[in-house]
Amino acid sequence: MIIENSGVKGMKSDLAHLDETMEQLGFVRWQWEYYRATYDLKIEDKANREEYFLRVNTRVETGKLESPYAILNIEDAYIGRATFPHGLDYESKVPDAIMKQVNGKLAELKSKLAQ
């Protein structure tokens, strides 16, 4: 599910600052290539024994991703439920408690990048 009105879509940052900020918030840059990167945050729903991933897509505006000075534009943020063996279900309903955590993380990200 794409998270509408997250407040982070369209924000910009250099790669070094974005990597540092995302790491502080618990995100990992898993997938990347020269012109785009994806940051993931694992969120566990212990009550239902399920895992969700908050994913933030970015695209390089100037430079290449191998340079810490590359400027990245944040695109959509979305959430999916982990499925076995390795996939994400973006169509299933996300519990309110998980969405509360997701919205909190996105607000923290927006705040840190706005500084």
C-alpha atoms as a PDB file:
ATOM      1  CA  MET A   1       0.000   0.000   0.000  1.00  0.00           C
ATOM      2  CA  ILE A   2       1.363   3.391  -0.961  1.00  0.00           C
ATOM      3  CA  ILE A   3       1.310   5.767   1.978  1.00  0.00           C
ATOM      4  CA  GLU A   4      -0.331   8.935   0.760  1.00  0.00           C
ATOM      5  CA  ASN A   5       0.482  12.303   2.335  1.00  0.00           C
ATOM      6  CA  SER A   6       3.550  10.989   4.165  1.00  0.00           C
ATOM      7  CA  GLY A   7       5.235  14.358   3.871  1.00  0.00           C
ATOM      8  CA  VAL A   8       8.520  12.854   2.665  1.00  0.00           C
ATOM      9  CA  LYS A   9       7.696  12.480  -1.017  1.00  0.00           C
ATOM     10  CA  GLY A  10       9.605  15.118  -2.967  1.00  0.00           C
ATOM     11  CA  MET A  11      12.173  15.824  -0.240  1.00  0.00           C
ATOM     12  CA  LYS A  12      15.822  15.868  -1.310  1.00  0.00           C
ATOM     13  CA  SER A  13      19.071  14.937   0.396  1.00  0.00           C
ATOM     14  CA  ASP A  14      22.617  14.019  -0.450  1.00  0.00           C
ATOM     15  CA  LEU A  15      23.378  10.313  -0.197  1.00  0.00           C
ATOM     16  CA  ALA A  16      25.700  10.569   2.816  1.00  0.00           C
ATOM     17  CA  HIS A  17      23.148  12.471   4.915  1.00  0.00           C
ATOM     18  CA  LEU A  18      20.257  10.270   3.784  1.00  0.00           C
ATOM     19  CA  ASP A  19      22.161   7.061   4.566  1.00  0.00           C
ATOM     20  CA  GLU A  20      23.098   8.364   8.022  1.00  0.00           C
ATOM     21  CA  THR A  21      19.568   9.561   8.781  1.00  0.00           C
ATOM     22  CA  MET A  22      17.950   6.356   7.592  1.00  0.00           C
ATOM     23  CA  GLU A  23      20.379   4.246   9.611  1.00  0.00           C
ATOM     24  CA  GLN A  24      19.582   6.266  12.756  1.00  0.00           C
ATOM     25  CA  LEU A  25      15.890   5.519  12.210  1.00  0.00           C
ATOM     26  CA  GLY A  26      16.501   1.785  11.706  1.00  0.00           C
ATOM     27  CA  PHE A  27      16.260   1.624   7.912  1.00  0.00           C
ATOM     28  CA  VAL A  28      18.615  -0.415   5.755  1.00  0.00           C
ATOM     29  CA  ARG A  29      19.515   0.381   2.153  1.00  0.00           C
ATOM     30  CA  TRP A  30      18.951  -3.059   0.638  1.00  0.00           C
ATOM     31  CA  GLN A  31      18.395  -2.510  -3.029  1.00  0.00           C
ATOM     32  CA  TRP A  32      20.372   0.001  -4.997  1.00  0.00           C
ATOM     33  CA  GLU A  33      21.881   0.702  -8.378  1.00  0.00           C
ATOM     34  CA  TYR A  34      23.501   3.745  -9.974  1.00  0.00           C
ATOM     35  CA  TYR A  35      20.368   5.875 -10.117  1.00  0.00           C
ATOM     36  CA  ARG A  36      17.987   4.621  -7.428  1.00  0.00           C
ATOM     37  CA  ALA A  37      17.941   3.168  -3.927  1.00  0.00           C
ATOM     38  CA  THR A  38      15.363   1.550  -1.677  1.00  0.00           C
ATOM     39  CA  TYR A  39      15.414   1.828   2.105  1.00  0.00           C
ATOM     40  CA  ASP A  40      13.534  -0.744   4.217  1.00  0.00           C
ATOM     41  CA  LEU A  41      12.440  -0.769   7.846  1.00  0.00           C
ATOM     42  CA  LYS A  42      11.254  -4.051   9.364  1.00  0.00           C
ATOM     43  CA  ILE A  43       8.322  -3.720  11.771  1.00  0.00           C
ATOM     44  CA  GLU A  44       7.173  -6.747  13.748  1.00  0.00           C
ATOM     45  CA  ASP A  45       3.561  -7.339  14.731  1.00  0.00           C
ATOM     46  CA  LYS A  46       4.149  -9.626  17.707  1.00  0.00           C
ATOM     47  CA  ALA A  47       0.419 -10.034  18.437  1.00  0.00           C
ATOM     48  CA  ASN A  48      -0.218 -11.589  15.010  1.00  0.00           C
ATOM     49  CA  ARG A  49       3.292 -12.965  14.449  1.00  0.00           C
ATOM     50  CA  GLU A  50       3.679 -11.085  11.193  1.00  0.00           C
ATOM     51  CA  GLU A  51       6.329  -8.810   9.762  1.00  0.00           C
ATOM     52  CA  TYR A  52       5.815  -5.653   7.758  1.00  0.00           C
ATOM     53  CA  PHE A  53       8.298  -3.600   5.799  1.00  0.00           C
ATOM     54  CA  LEU A  54       8.121   0.146   5.406  1.00  0.00           C
ATOM     55  CA  ARG A  55       9.867   0.883   2.117  1.00  0.00           C
ATOM     56  CA  VAL A  56      11.031   4.269   0.873  1.00  0.00           C
ATOM     57  CA  ASN A  57      12.078   4.645  -2.761  1.00  0.00           C
ATOM     58  CA  THR A  58      14.597   7.256  -3.874  1.00  0.00           C
ATOM     59  CA  ARG A  59      15.938   8.327  -7.257  1.00  0.00           C
ATOM     60  CA  VAL A  60      19.135  10.206  -8.029  1.00  0.00           C
ATOM     61  CA  GLU A  61      18.584  13.754  -9.238  1.00  0.00           C
ATOM     62  CA  THR A  62      22.251  14.635  -9.778  1.00  0.00           C
ATOM     63  CA  GLY A  63      25.359  12.477  -9.647  1.00  0.00           C
ATOM     64  CA  LYS A  64      25.578   8.718  -9.235  1.00  0.00           C
ATOM     65  CA  LEU A  65      24.724   6.667  -6.212  1.00  0.00           C
ATOM     66  CA  GLU A  66      28.314   5.632  -5.613  1.00  0.00           C
ATOM     67  CA  SER A  67      29.100   9.266  -4.673  1.00  0.00           C
ATOM     68  CA  PRO A  68      28.201  10.510  -1.170  1.00  0.00           C
ATOM     69  CA  TYR A  69      27.456  13.883  -2.793  1.00  0.00           C
ATOM     70  CA  ALA A  70      24.755  12.530  -5.122  1.00  0.00           C
ATOM     71  CA  ILE A  71      21.430  14.293  -4.571  1.00  0.00           C
ATOM     72  CA  LEU A  72      18.493  11.923  -4.119  1.00  0.00           C
ATOM     73  CA  ASN A  73      14.820  12.720  -4.500  1.00  0.00           C
ATOM     74  CA  ILE A  74      12.507  10.744  -2.208  1.00  0.00           C
ATOM     75  CA  GLU A  75       9.667   9.085  -4.057  1.00  0.00           C
ATOM     76  CA  ASP A  76       6.842   6.985  -2.643  1.00  0.00           C
ATOM     77  CA  ALA A  77       6.791   5.356   0.765  1.00  0.00           C
ATOM     78  CA  TYR A  78       4.805   2.159   1.028  1.00  0.00           C
ATOM     79  CA  ILE A  79       4.204  -0.768   3.357  1.00  0.00           C
ATOM     80  CA  GLY A  80       3.786  -4.463   2.754  1.00  0.00           C
ATOM     81  CA  ARG A  81       3.350  -7.620   4.790  1.00  0.00           C
ATOM     82  CA  ALA A  82       6.183 -10.122   4.468  1.00  0.00           C
ATOM     83  CA  THR A  83       5.237 -13.385   2.761  1.00  0.00           C
ATOM     84  CA  PHE A  84       7.108 -16.678   2.653  1.00  0.00           C
ATOM     85  CA  PRO A  85       9.698 -17.262   1.320  1.00  0.00           C
ATOM     86  CA  HIS A  86      10.641 -13.741   0.237  1.00  0.00           C
ATOM     87  CA  GLY A  87       8.024 -11.325  -0.922  1.00  0.00           C
ATOM     88  CA  LEU A  88       5.806  -8.470   0.166  1.00  0.00           C
ATOM     89  CA  ASP A  89       2.022  -8.332   0.001  1.00  0.00           C
ATOM     90  CA  TYR A  90       1.029  -4.729  -0.641  1.00  0.00           C
ATOM     91  CA  GLU A  91      -2.713  -5.458  -0.787  1.00  0.00           C
ATOM     92  CA  SER A  92      -3.390  -6.869   2.694  1.00  0.00           C
ATOM     93  CA  LYS A  93      -4.817  -4.692   5.471  1.00  0.00           C
ATOM     94  CA  VAL A  94      -2.205  -3.236   7.806  1.00  0.00           C
ATOM     95  CA  PRO A  95      -3.141  -3.152  11.518  1.00  0.00           C
ATOM     96  CA  ASP A  96      -3.690   0.294  13.046  1.00  0.00           C
ATOM     97  CA  ALA A  97      -0.855  -0.222  15.563  1.00  0.00           C
ATOM     98  CA  ILE A  98       1.597  -0.862  12.711  1.00  0.00           C
ATOM     99  CA  MET A  99       0.342   2.169  10.759  1.00  0.00           C
ATOM    100  CA  LYS A 100       0.851   4.297  13.872  1.00  0.00           C
ATOM    101  CA  GLN A 101       4.504   3.191  13.998  1.00  0.00           C
ATOM    102  CA  VAL A 102       4.887   3.784  10.253  1.00  0.00           C
ATOM    103  CA  ASN A 103       3.466   7.303  10.448  1.00  0.00           C
ATOM    104  CA  GLY A 104       5.734   8.055  13.414  1.00  0.00           C
ATOM    105  CA  LYS A 105       8.847   6.911  11.525  1.00  0.00           C
ATOM    106  CA  LEU A 106       7.898   8.925   8.465  1.00  0.00           C
ATOM    107  CA  ALA A 107       7.333  12.019  10.620  1.00  0.00           C
ATOM    108  CA  GLU A 108      10.777  11.511  12.207  1.00  0.00           C
ATOM    109  CA  LEU A 109      12.336  11.148   8.754  1.00  0.00           C
ATOM    110  CA  LYS A 110      10.645  14.310   7.526  1.00  0.00           C
ATOM    111  CA  SER A 111      11.813  16.223  10.597  1.00  0.00           C
ATOM    112  CA  LYS A 112      15.427  15.046  10.298  1.00  0.00           C
ATOM    113  CA  LEU A 113      15.643  15.805   6.586  1.00  0.00           C
ATOM    114  CA  ALA A 114      14.083  19.258   7.014  1.00  0.00           C
ATOM    115  CA  GLN A 115      16.889  20.348   9.389  1.00  0.00           C
END
